[in-house]
N, C-alpha and C. Protein backbone atom coordinates (compact mmCIF):
# COMPACT_ATOMS: atom_id res chain seq x y z
N MET A 1 0.84 -1.17 0.00
CA MET A 1 0.01 0.00 0.00
C MET A 1 0.89 1.23 0.00
N SER A 2 0.63 2.18 -0.88
CA SER A 2 1.42 3.37 -1.01
C SER A 2 0.95 4.46 -0.05
N LEU A 3 1.85 5.36 0.25
CA LEU A 3 1.58 6.48 1.15
C LEU A 3 0.84 7.59 0.42
N PRO A 4 0.14 8.46 1.15
CA PRO A 4 -0.45 9.64 0.54
C PRO A 4 0.63 10.55 -0.07
N HIS A 5 0.21 11.42 -0.98
CA HIS A 5 1.13 12.30 -1.70
C HIS A 5 2.05 13.09 -0.78
N ASP A 6 1.56 13.65 0.29
CA ASP A 6 2.37 14.50 1.17
C ASP A 6 3.28 13.72 2.09
N GLU A 7 3.09 12.40 2.23
CA GLU A 7 3.93 11.58 3.10
C GLU A 7 4.87 10.67 2.33
N ALA A 8 4.77 10.65 1.02
CA ALA A 8 5.56 9.73 0.20
C ALA A 8 7.04 10.12 0.21
N TRP A 9 7.89 9.13 0.35
CA TRP A 9 9.33 9.36 0.30
C TRP A 9 9.79 9.61 -1.14
N PHE A 10 9.14 8.92 -2.08
CA PHE A 10 9.52 9.01 -3.48
C PHE A 10 8.29 9.45 -4.29
N PRO A 11 8.34 10.63 -4.92
CA PRO A 11 7.19 11.06 -5.72
C PRO A 11 7.19 10.33 -7.08
N ALA A 12 6.02 10.20 -7.64
CA ALA A 12 5.93 9.60 -8.98
C ALA A 12 6.56 10.58 -9.98
N LYS A 13 7.14 10.04 -11.04
CA LYS A 13 7.73 10.89 -12.06
C LYS A 13 6.64 11.68 -12.77
N ARG A 14 7.01 12.86 -13.21
CA ARG A 14 6.05 13.72 -13.93
C ARG A 14 5.78 13.20 -15.34
N PHE A 15 6.82 12.67 -15.97
CA PHE A 15 6.70 12.08 -17.31
C PHE A 15 7.22 10.66 -17.26
N GLY A 16 6.48 9.72 -17.82
CA GLY A 16 6.91 8.34 -17.86
C GLY A 16 6.37 7.52 -16.71
N TYR A 17 7.10 6.45 -16.37
CA TYR A 17 6.65 5.53 -15.34
C TYR A 17 7.73 5.41 -14.28
N GLY A 18 7.35 5.37 -13.03
CA GLY A 18 8.31 5.14 -11.94
C GLY A 18 8.32 6.29 -10.97
N TRP A 19 9.49 6.43 -10.31
CA TRP A 19 9.63 7.43 -9.25
C TRP A 19 10.75 8.38 -9.58
N GLY A 20 10.64 9.60 -9.06
CA GLY A 20 11.66 10.62 -9.26
C GLY A 20 12.61 10.66 -8.08
N ILE A 21 13.31 11.79 -7.95
CA ILE A 21 14.26 11.93 -6.84
C ILE A 21 13.45 12.01 -5.53
N PRO A 22 14.06 11.59 -4.44
CA PRO A 22 13.33 11.56 -3.16
C PRO A 22 12.80 12.91 -2.73
N ARG A 23 11.68 12.89 -2.05
CA ARG A 23 11.05 14.11 -1.53
C ARG A 23 11.38 14.32 -0.05
N ARG A 24 11.62 13.26 0.69
CA ARG A 24 11.86 13.34 2.11
C ARG A 24 13.24 12.79 2.46
N TRP A 25 13.71 13.12 3.66
CA TRP A 25 15.07 12.71 4.05
C TRP A 25 15.19 11.18 4.12
N GLN A 26 14.12 10.48 4.43
CA GLN A 26 14.18 9.02 4.49
C GLN A 26 14.48 8.43 3.12
N GLY A 27 13.90 9.02 2.08
CA GLY A 27 14.17 8.57 0.73
C GLY A 27 15.62 8.81 0.33
N TRP A 28 16.16 9.97 0.72
CA TRP A 28 17.57 10.25 0.44
C TRP A 28 18.48 9.25 1.16
N LEU A 29 18.12 8.91 2.39
CA LEU A 29 18.91 7.94 3.15
C LEU A 29 18.91 6.57 2.45
N VAL A 30 17.75 6.13 2.01
CA VAL A 30 17.65 4.85 1.30
C VAL A 30 18.51 4.88 0.05
N LEU A 31 18.44 6.00 -0.70
CA LEU A 31 19.23 6.10 -1.94
C LEU A 31 20.73 6.13 -1.65
N MET A 32 21.15 6.82 -0.57
CA MET A 32 22.58 6.85 -0.21
C MET A 32 23.07 5.46 0.22
N ILE A 33 22.25 4.73 0.95
CA ILE A 33 22.62 3.37 1.34
C ILE A 33 22.75 2.48 0.11
N TYR A 34 21.85 2.62 -0.83
CA TYR A 34 21.90 1.84 -2.07
C TYR A 34 23.20 2.11 -2.82
N PHE A 35 23.49 3.38 -3.09
CA PHE A 35 24.70 3.71 -3.85
C PHE A 35 25.97 3.43 -3.05
N GLY A 36 25.93 3.61 -1.74
CA GLY A 36 27.08 3.27 -0.91
C GLY A 36 27.39 1.78 -0.96
N ALA A 37 26.36 0.95 -0.93
CA ALA A 37 26.57 -0.50 -1.03
C ALA A 37 27.11 -0.89 -2.40
N LEU A 38 26.63 -0.22 -3.45
CA LEU A 38 27.15 -0.50 -4.80
C LEU A 38 28.61 -0.11 -4.90
N ILE A 39 28.95 1.08 -4.43
CA ILE A 39 30.34 1.54 -4.51
C ILE A 39 31.23 0.67 -3.64
N GLY A 40 30.73 0.28 -2.47
CA GLY A 40 31.53 -0.58 -1.60
C GLY A 40 31.79 -1.95 -2.19
N GLY A 41 30.93 -2.41 -3.08
CA GLY A 41 31.10 -3.74 -3.66
C GLY A 41 31.90 -3.78 -4.94
N VAL A 42 32.36 -2.62 -5.44
CA VAL A 42 33.08 -2.58 -6.71
C VAL A 42 34.37 -3.39 -6.63
N SER A 43 35.09 -3.30 -5.54
CA SER A 43 36.34 -4.07 -5.43
C SER A 43 36.04 -5.57 -5.38
N PHE A 44 34.91 -5.93 -4.89
CA PHE A 44 34.45 -7.31 -4.84
C PHE A 44 34.15 -7.83 -6.24
N ALA A 45 33.79 -6.93 -7.15
CA ALA A 45 33.42 -7.31 -8.52
C ALA A 45 34.61 -7.87 -9.29
N GLN A 46 35.80 -7.44 -8.97
CA GLN A 46 36.98 -7.91 -9.70
C GLN A 46 37.21 -9.42 -9.50
N THR A 47 37.03 -9.87 -8.27
CA THR A 47 37.35 -11.27 -7.98
C THR A 47 36.13 -12.21 -8.06
N HIS A 48 34.94 -11.67 -7.84
CA HIS A 48 33.71 -12.49 -7.83
C HIS A 48 32.60 -11.79 -8.61
N PRO A 49 32.71 -11.74 -9.94
CA PRO A 49 31.73 -10.99 -10.72
C PRO A 49 30.30 -11.52 -10.62
N VAL A 50 30.14 -12.82 -10.53
CA VAL A 50 28.78 -13.39 -10.43
C VAL A 50 28.14 -13.02 -9.10
N HIS A 51 28.90 -13.10 -8.02
CA HIS A 51 28.37 -12.71 -6.72
C HIS A 51 28.04 -11.22 -6.68
N PHE A 52 28.90 -10.41 -7.30
CA PHE A 52 28.63 -8.97 -7.34
C PHE A 52 27.36 -8.68 -8.12
N ALA A 53 27.16 -9.35 -9.25
CA ALA A 53 25.93 -9.16 -10.04
C ALA A 53 24.70 -9.59 -9.22
N SER A 54 24.84 -10.64 -8.44
CA SER A 54 23.73 -11.07 -7.57
C SER A 54 23.42 -10.02 -6.52
N CYS A 55 24.48 -9.45 -5.96
CA CYS A 55 24.28 -8.39 -4.95
C CYS A 55 23.63 -7.15 -5.55
N VAL A 56 24.07 -6.77 -6.76
CA VAL A 56 23.45 -5.62 -7.45
C VAL A 56 21.98 -5.89 -7.69
N GLY A 57 21.66 -7.10 -8.12
CA GLY A 57 20.26 -7.46 -8.34
C GLY A 57 19.44 -7.40 -7.07
N ALA A 58 19.98 -7.94 -5.97
CA ALA A 58 19.28 -7.94 -4.70
C ALA A 58 19.08 -6.51 -4.19
N LEU A 59 20.11 -5.68 -4.29
CA LEU A 59 20.00 -4.29 -3.85
C LEU A 59 18.96 -3.55 -4.67
N SER A 60 18.94 -3.79 -5.98
CA SER A 60 17.98 -3.12 -6.86
C SER A 60 16.55 -3.55 -6.57
N VAL A 61 16.36 -4.84 -6.30
CA VAL A 61 15.03 -5.31 -5.92
C VAL A 61 14.59 -4.67 -4.60
N GLY A 62 15.54 -4.55 -3.68
CA GLY A 62 15.23 -3.90 -2.40
C GLY A 62 14.86 -2.43 -2.57
N LEU A 63 15.59 -1.73 -3.44
CA LEU A 63 15.26 -0.33 -3.72
C LEU A 63 13.90 -0.20 -4.37
N PHE A 64 13.62 -1.06 -5.34
CA PHE A 64 12.32 -1.05 -6.00
C PHE A 64 11.20 -1.30 -5.01
N ALA A 65 11.39 -2.29 -4.12
CA ALA A 65 10.38 -2.63 -3.13
C ALA A 65 10.15 -1.45 -2.17
N THR A 66 11.22 -0.76 -1.79
CA THR A 66 11.09 0.40 -0.90
C THR A 66 10.35 1.52 -1.60
N CYS A 67 10.68 1.77 -2.86
CA CYS A 67 9.98 2.81 -3.63
C CYS A 67 8.49 2.47 -3.77
N ARG A 68 8.21 1.22 -4.03
CA ARG A 68 6.82 0.79 -4.16
C ARG A 68 6.06 0.94 -2.86
N TRP A 69 6.74 0.63 -1.74
CA TRP A 69 6.10 0.67 -0.42
C TRP A 69 5.95 2.10 0.10
N LYS A 70 6.97 2.92 -0.05
CA LYS A 70 6.99 4.26 0.55
C LYS A 70 6.86 5.38 -0.47
N GLY A 71 6.51 5.05 -1.71
CA GLY A 71 6.36 6.07 -2.73
C GLY A 71 4.93 6.19 -3.21
N GLU A 72 4.73 7.20 -4.05
CA GLU A 72 3.41 7.37 -4.66
C GLU A 72 3.14 6.22 -5.62
N PRO A 73 1.90 5.92 -5.86
CA PRO A 73 1.61 4.83 -6.81
C PRO A 73 2.13 5.19 -8.21
N PRO A 74 2.91 4.29 -8.81
CA PRO A 74 3.40 4.60 -10.15
C PRO A 74 2.34 4.34 -11.21
N ARG A 75 2.34 5.15 -12.23
CA ARG A 75 1.50 4.95 -13.40
C ARG A 75 2.08 5.79 -14.52
N TRP A 76 1.68 5.53 -15.74
CA TRP A 76 2.17 6.31 -16.87
C TRP A 76 1.65 7.73 -16.73
N ARG A 77 2.54 8.70 -16.84
CA ARG A 77 2.16 10.10 -16.74
C ARG A 77 2.75 10.86 -17.92
N TRP A 78 2.00 11.88 -18.35
CA TRP A 78 2.45 12.71 -19.48
C TRP A 78 2.41 14.16 -19.08
N GLY A 79 2.86 14.52 -17.89
CA GLY A 79 2.87 15.91 -17.43
C GLY A 79 1.76 16.15 -16.43
N ASP A 80 1.57 17.42 -16.11
CA ASP A 80 0.51 17.78 -15.16
C ASP A 80 -0.86 17.62 -15.78
N PRO A 81 -1.77 16.94 -15.08
CA PRO A 81 -3.14 16.84 -15.60
C PRO A 81 -3.85 18.19 -15.51
N LYS A 82 -4.59 18.52 -16.51
CA LYS A 82 -5.29 19.81 -16.49
C LYS A 82 -6.77 19.60 -16.42
């Protein structure tokens, strides 16, 4: 279940499908943790590329799930409705 517009961590994109940049500090924190984990795992990618790809996939699924849970409902949008 998604949060109301004013409480959503991730707003829906104005054009297209998905979410835009975070609206609240919690969303920024989630995004920083995601990118920090990716950057931290780069050295791991040299020696274990399959494990690194698995970690990237798991982190991305986690980010998607968080956006779905704490963001506005995604749908195709073509700008501001008039």
